[in-house]
Amino acid sequence: MDTPKKRFFLFCWIDKLCAVGGAISSFLLGIIAIIIVYEIIMRKLFNSPTAWVGETSIYLWMVVGLLGAAAVLKDDLHFSITTFVDRLSAKNRRRMKIFTNFLGLTYTSIFVWKGFLFALTSYQFEDVSSGLMQMPLWIPRAMLPLGGLMLSLQFINKLAEEFSNRE
């Protein structure tokens, strides 16, 4: 009977962090559905549309996508076309996974840095949304480096997994 490989605690921690991000994304999807139904009821039944639902749902959608991406990568649930990759030998398929995960890590590392600068600039200039909520834009923009960091960590996890699988 094969015993599962013991993984380094940091990689387990990354998986748990990404799973929490996925759970938060799922929860926020429910919140988005509730507030949109609320808007529909207020608009159609009471002829009293809200000023906050549209803007809030946009910000929540951003968080859903940014926090959910790492959970999707963790479980390999992302969209992929494998016609070419499936025809490769096992050795070349592994090389391709290492290459694409490294490419993803490179991209998300730049994404984290640029997202951080974007959020920091918004904070420094006290940038607010043009909607009625006047939301300080550094708050939703801070989700860019956070989501990118989680995705970067998951790419590191995927690379470590590939390097530890020598079959």
C-alpha atoms as a PDB file:
ATOM      1  CA  MET A   1       0.000   0.000   0.000  1.00  0.00           C
ATOM      2  CA  ASP A   2       1.400   3.388  -1.040  1.00  0.00           C
ATOM      3  CA  THR A   3       1.692   5.981   1.667  1.00  0.00           C
ATOM      4  CA  PRO A   4       1.207   9.578   0.565  1.00  0.00           C
ATOM      5  CA  LYS A   5       4.308  11.746   0.455  1.00  0.00           C
ATOM      6  CA  LYS A   6       4.759  14.032   3.389  1.00  0.00           C
ATOM      7  CA  ARG A   7       4.796  17.626   2.152  1.00  0.00           C
ATOM      8  CA  PHE A   8       6.725  20.512   3.580  1.00  0.00           C
ATOM      9  CA  PHE A   9       4.503  22.486   5.990  1.00  0.00           C
ATOM     10  CA  LEU A  10       4.850  25.693   3.978  1.00  0.00           C
ATOM     11  CA  PHE A  11       3.318  24.071   0.892  1.00  0.00           C
ATOM     12  CA  CYS A  12       0.426  22.745   2.981  1.00  0.00           C
ATOM     13  CA  TRP A  13      -0.027  26.246   4.417  1.00  0.00           C
ATOM     14  CA  ILE A  14      -0.157  27.736   0.896  1.00  0.00           C
ATOM     15  CA  ASP A  15      -2.838  25.225  -0.099  1.00  0.00           C
ATOM     16  CA  LYS A  16      -4.883  26.075   2.989  1.00  0.00           C
ATOM     17  CA  LEU A  17      -4.506  29.807   2.345  1.00  0.00           C
ATOM     18  CA  CYS A  18      -5.689  29.334  -1.239  1.00  0.00           C
ATOM     19  CA  ALA A  19      -8.600  27.189  -0.068  1.00  0.00           C
ATOM     20  CA  VAL A  20      -9.616  29.996   2.317  1.00  0.00           C
ATOM     21  CA  GLY A  21      -9.436  32.432  -0.603  1.00  0.00           C
ATOM     22  CA  GLY A  22     -11.695  30.095  -2.580  1.00  0.00           C
ATOM     23  CA  ALA A  23     -14.137  29.860   0.316  1.00  0.00           C
ATOM     24  CA  ILE A  24     -14.222  33.657   0.640  1.00  0.00           C
ATOM     25  CA  SER A  25     -14.856  33.892  -3.119  1.00  0.00           C
ATOM     26  CA  SER A  26     -17.745  31.443  -2.860  1.00  0.00           C
ATOM     27  CA  PHE A  27     -19.216  33.335   0.078  1.00  0.00           C
ATOM     28  CA  LEU A  28     -18.926  36.650  -1.772  1.00  0.00           C
ATOM     29  CA  LEU A  29     -20.698  35.151  -4.799  1.00  0.00           C
ATOM     30  CA  GLY A  30     -23.632  34.468  -2.497  1.00  0.00           C
ATOM     31  CA  ILE A  31     -23.498  38.023  -1.154  1.00  0.00           C
ATOM     32  CA  ILE A  32     -23.452  39.390  -4.712  1.00  0.00           C
ATOM     33  CA  ALA A  33     -26.526  37.320  -5.578  1.00  0.00           C
ATOM     34  CA  ILE A  34     -28.341  38.571  -2.465  1.00  0.00           C
ATOM     35  CA  ILE A  35     -27.605  42.254  -3.051  1.00  0.00           C
ATOM     36  CA  ILE A  36     -28.547  42.027  -6.732  1.00  0.00           C
ATOM     37  CA  VAL A  37     -31.861  40.356  -5.836  1.00  0.00           C
ATOM     38  CA  TYR A  38     -32.348  43.106  -3.260  1.00  0.00           C
ATOM     39  CA  GLU A  39     -31.718  45.722  -5.978  1.00  0.00           C
ATOM     40  CA  ILE A  40     -34.222  44.035  -8.307  1.00  0.00           C
ATOM     41  CA  ILE A  41     -36.876  43.968  -5.592  1.00  0.00           C
ATOM     42  CA  MET A  42     -36.261  47.591  -4.621  1.00  0.00           C
ATOM     43  CA  ARG A  43     -36.272  48.754  -8.239  1.00  0.00           C
ATOM     44  CA  LYS A  44     -39.221  46.718  -9.592  1.00  0.00           C
ATOM     45  CA  LEU A  45     -41.541  46.445  -6.604  1.00  0.00           C
ATOM     46  CA  PHE A  46     -40.886  49.676  -4.750  1.00  0.00           C
ATOM     47  CA  ASN A  47     -39.595  51.869  -7.595  1.00  0.00           C
ATOM     48  CA  SER A  48     -36.701  52.842  -5.314  1.00  0.00           C
ATOM     49  CA  PRO A  49     -33.352  51.810  -6.796  1.00  0.00           C
ATOM     50  CA  THR A  50     -30.324  51.769  -4.540  1.00  0.00           C
ATOM     51  CA  ALA A  51     -27.216  53.848  -5.072  1.00  0.00           C
ATOM     52  CA  TRP A  52     -24.752  51.315  -3.694  1.00  0.00           C
ATOM     53  CA  VAL A  53     -25.521  47.887  -5.215  1.00  0.00           C
ATOM     54  CA  GLY A  54     -23.950  48.439  -8.632  1.00  0.00           C
ATOM     55  CA  GLU A  55     -20.648  49.754  -7.326  1.00  0.00           C
ATOM     56  CA  THR A  56     -20.483  47.269  -4.462  1.00  0.00           C
ATOM     57  CA  SER A  57     -21.168  44.288  -6.701  1.00  0.00           C
ATOM     58  CA  ILE A  58     -18.383  45.376  -9.086  1.00  0.00           C
ATOM     59  CA  TYR A  59     -15.860  45.557  -6.238  1.00  0.00           C
ATOM     60  CA  LEU A  60     -17.013  42.219  -4.865  1.00  0.00           C
ATOM     61  CA  TRP A  61     -16.683  40.621  -8.321  1.00  0.00           C
ATOM     62  CA  MET A  62     -13.079  41.834  -8.417  1.00  0.00           C
ATOM     63  CA  VAL A  63     -12.389  40.174  -5.076  1.00  0.00           C
ATOM     64  CA  VAL A  64     -14.097  36.955  -6.206  1.00  0.00           C
ATOM     65  CA  GLY A  65     -11.850  36.710  -9.251  1.00  0.00           C
ATOM     66  CA  LEU A  66      -8.636  37.705  -7.518  1.00  0.00           C
ATOM     67  CA  LEU A  67      -9.012  35.506  -4.434  1.00  0.00           C
ATOM     68  CA  GLY A  68     -10.590  32.607  -6.304  1.00  0.00           C
ATOM     69  CA  ALA A  69      -7.838  32.315  -8.932  1.00  0.00           C
ATOM     70  CA  ALA A  70      -5.348  30.675  -6.568  1.00  0.00           C
ATOM     71  CA  ALA A  71      -7.936  28.146  -5.380  1.00  0.00           C
ATOM     72  CA  VAL A  72      -8.751  27.289  -8.989  1.00  0.00           C
ATOM     73  CA  LEU A  73      -5.051  26.814  -9.791  1.00  0.00           C
ATOM     74  CA  LYS A  74      -4.573  24.716  -6.642  1.00  0.00           C
ATOM     75  CA  ASP A  75      -7.165  22.195  -7.797  1.00  0.00           C
ATOM     76  CA  ASP A  76      -6.318  22.487 -11.520  1.00  0.00           C
ATOM     77  CA  LEU A  77      -9.864  23.629 -12.277  1.00  0.00           C
ATOM     78  CA  HIS A  78      -8.827  26.347 -14.703  1.00  0.00           C
ATOM     79  CA  PHE A  79      -9.660  26.251 -18.385  1.00  0.00           C
ATOM     80  CA  SER A  80      -6.945  24.588 -20.415  1.00  0.00           C
ATOM     81  CA  ILE A  81      -6.532  23.171 -23.882  1.00  0.00           C
ATOM     82  CA  THR A  82      -4.312  20.125 -23.681  1.00  0.00           C
ATOM     83  CA  THR A  83      -4.356  18.851 -27.251  1.00  0.00           C
ATOM     84  CA  PHE A  84      -0.670  19.623 -27.746  1.00  0.00           C
ATOM     85  CA  VAL A  85       0.461  18.770 -24.210  1.00  0.00           C
ATOM     86  CA  ASP A  86      -1.314  15.401 -24.198  1.00  0.00           C
ATOM     87  CA  ARG A  87       0.784  14.300 -27.174  1.00  0.00           C
ATOM     88  CA  LEU A  88       4.061  14.959 -25.363  1.00  0.00           C
ATOM     89  CA  SER A  89       6.057  12.288 -23.577  1.00  0.00           C
ATOM     90  CA  ALA A  90       5.791  12.241 -19.782  1.00  0.00           C
ATOM     91  CA  LYS A  91       9.233  13.845 -19.496  1.00  0.00           C
ATOM     92  CA  ASN A  92       8.350  16.684 -21.878  1.00  0.00           C
ATOM     93  CA  ARG A  93       4.930  17.130 -20.297  1.00  0.00           C
ATOM     94  CA  ARG A  94       6.691  17.637 -16.954  1.00  0.00           C
ATOM     95  CA  ARG A  95       9.080  20.140 -18.560  1.00  0.00           C
ATOM     96  CA  MET A  96       6.103  21.991 -20.053  1.00  0.00           C
ATOM     97  CA  LYS A  97       4.405  22.171 -16.638  1.00  0.00           C
ATOM     98  CA  ILE A  98       7.579  23.510 -15.057  1.00  0.00           C
ATOM     99  CA  PHE A  99       7.961  26.082 -17.835  1.00  0.00           C
ATOM    100  CA  THR A 100       4.326  27.269 -17.685  1.00  0.00           C
ATOM    101  CA  ASN A 101       4.322  27.410 -13.880  1.00  0.00           C
ATOM    102  CA  PHE A 102       7.555  29.415 -13.956  1.00  0.00           C
ATOM    103  CA  LEU A 103       6.021  31.728 -16.564  1.00  0.00           C
ATOM    104  CA  GLY A 104       2.925  32.112 -14.368  1.00  0.00           C
ATOM    105  CA  LEU A 105       5.102  32.871 -11.343  1.00  0.00           C
ATOM    106  CA  THR A 106       7.027  35.494 -13.295  1.00  0.00           C
ATOM    107  CA  TYR A 107       3.833  37.166 -14.518  1.00  0.00           C
ATOM    108  CA  THR A 108       2.118  37.132 -11.129  1.00  0.00           C
ATOM    109  CA  SER A 109       5.242  38.480  -9.407  1.00  0.00           C
ATOM    110  CA  ILE A 110       5.166  41.490 -11.729  1.00  0.00           C
ATOM    111  CA  PHE A 111       1.389  41.703 -11.175  1.00  0.00           C
ATOM    112  CA  VAL A 112       1.909  41.823  -7.388  1.00  0.00           C
ATOM    113  CA  TRP A 113       4.512  44.591  -7.639  1.00  0.00           C
ATOM    114  CA  LYS A 114       2.557  46.725 -10.102  1.00  0.00           C
ATOM    115  CA  GLY A 115      -0.692  46.126  -8.178  1.00  0.00           C
ATOM    116  CA  PHE A 116       1.010  47.231  -4.975  1.00  0.00           C
ATOM    117  CA  LEU A 117       2.263  50.418  -6.639  1.00  0.00           C
ATOM    118  CA  PHE A 118      -1.214  51.044  -8.088  1.00  0.00           C
ATOM    119  CA  ALA A 119      -2.891  50.681  -4.675  1.00  0.00           C
ATOM    120  CA  LEU A 120      -0.178  52.741  -2.973  1.00  0.00           C
ATOM    121  CA  THR A 121      -0.563  55.565  -5.479  1.00  0.00           C
ATOM    122  CA  SER A 122      -4.333  55.551  -4.928  1.00  0.00           C
ATOM    123  CA  TYR A 123      -3.753  55.764  -1.191  1.00  0.00           C
ATOM    124  CA  GLN A 124      -1.194  58.561  -1.461  1.00  0.00           C
ATOM    125  CA  PHE A 125      -3.389  60.663  -3.739  1.00  0.00           C
ATOM    126  CA  GLU A 126      -6.531  59.857  -1.696  1.00  0.00           C
ATOM    127  CA  ASP A 127      -8.212  58.658  -4.877  1.00  0.00           C
ATOM    128  CA  VAL A 128     -11.947  57.933  -4.519  1.00  0.00           C
ATOM    129  CA  SER A 129     -14.473  56.393  -6.874  1.00  0.00           C
ATOM    130  CA  SER A 130     -16.634  58.635  -9.016  1.00  0.00           C
ATOM    131  CA  GLY A 131     -19.786  56.785  -7.922  1.00  0.00           C
ATOM    132  CA  LEU A 132     -22.135  57.895  -5.183  1.00  0.00           C
ATOM    133  CA  MET A 133     -20.304  55.768  -2.609  1.00  0.00           C
ATOM    134  CA  GLN A 134     -17.052  57.747  -2.946  1.00  0.00           C
ATOM    135  CA  MET A 135     -15.134  54.551  -2.082  1.00  0.00           C
ATOM    136  CA  PRO A 136     -11.432  55.109  -1.366  1.00  0.00           C
ATOM    137  CA  LEU A 137      -9.961  53.265  -4.348  1.00  0.00           C
ATOM    138  CA  TRP A 138      -6.939  51.938  -2.498  1.00  0.00           C
ATOM    139  CA  ILE A 139      -9.252  49.444  -0.763  1.00  0.00           C
ATOM    140  CA  PRO A 140     -10.419  47.501  -3.857  1.00  0.00           C
ATOM    141  CA  ARG A 141      -7.046  48.053  -5.544  1.00  0.00           C
ATOM    142  CA  ALA A 142      -5.293  46.432  -2.570  1.00  0.00           C
ATOM    143  CA  MET A 143      -6.948  43.206  -3.692  1.00  0.00           C
ATOM    144  CA  LEU A 144      -4.679  43.195  -6.785  1.00  0.00           C
ATOM    145  CA  PRO A 145      -1.426  42.486  -4.932  1.00  0.00           C
ATOM    146  CA  LEU A 146      -3.196  40.246  -2.413  1.00  0.00           C
ATOM    147  CA  GLY A 147      -4.775  38.048  -5.080  1.00  0.00           C
ATOM    148  CA  GLY A 148      -1.572  38.105  -7.120  1.00  0.00           C
ATOM    149  CA  LEU A 149       0.466  37.087  -4.078  1.00  0.00           C
ATOM    150  CA  MET A 150      -1.805  34.124  -3.428  1.00  0.00           C
ATOM    151  CA  LEU A 151      -1.540  33.116  -7.079  1.00  0.00           C
ATOM    152  CA  SER A 152       2.272  33.494  -6.958  1.00  0.00           C
ATOM    153  CA  LEU A 153       2.439  31.295  -3.882  1.00  0.00           C
ATOM    154  CA  GLN A 154       0.336  28.680  -5.611  1.00  0.00           C
ATOM    155  CA  PHE A 155       2.650  28.743  -8.648  1.00  0.00           C
ATOM    156  CA  ILE A 156       5.575  28.191  -6.261  1.00  0.00           C
ATOM    157  CA  ASN A 157       3.628  25.281  -4.806  1.00  0.00           C
ATOM    158  CA  LYS A 158       3.035  23.832  -8.283  1.00  0.00           C
ATOM    159  CA  LEU A 159       6.721  24.176  -9.159  1.00  0.00           C
ATOM    160  CA  ALA A 160       7.767  22.453  -5.930  1.00  0.00           C
ATOM    161  CA  GLU A 161       5.281  19.678  -6.662  1.00  0.00           C
ATOM    162  CA  GLU A 162       6.740  19.173 -10.152  1.00  0.00           C
ATOM    163  CA  PHE A 163      10.317  19.171  -8.896  1.00  0.00           C
ATOM    164  CA  SER A 164       9.475  16.645  -6.175  1.00  0.00           C
ATOM    165  CA  ASN A 165       7.747  14.282  -8.657  1.00  0.00           C
ATOM    166  CA  ARG A 166      10.588  12.518 -10.416  1.00  0.00           C
ATOM    167  CA  GLU A 167       8.504   9.691 -11.923  1.00  0.00           C
END
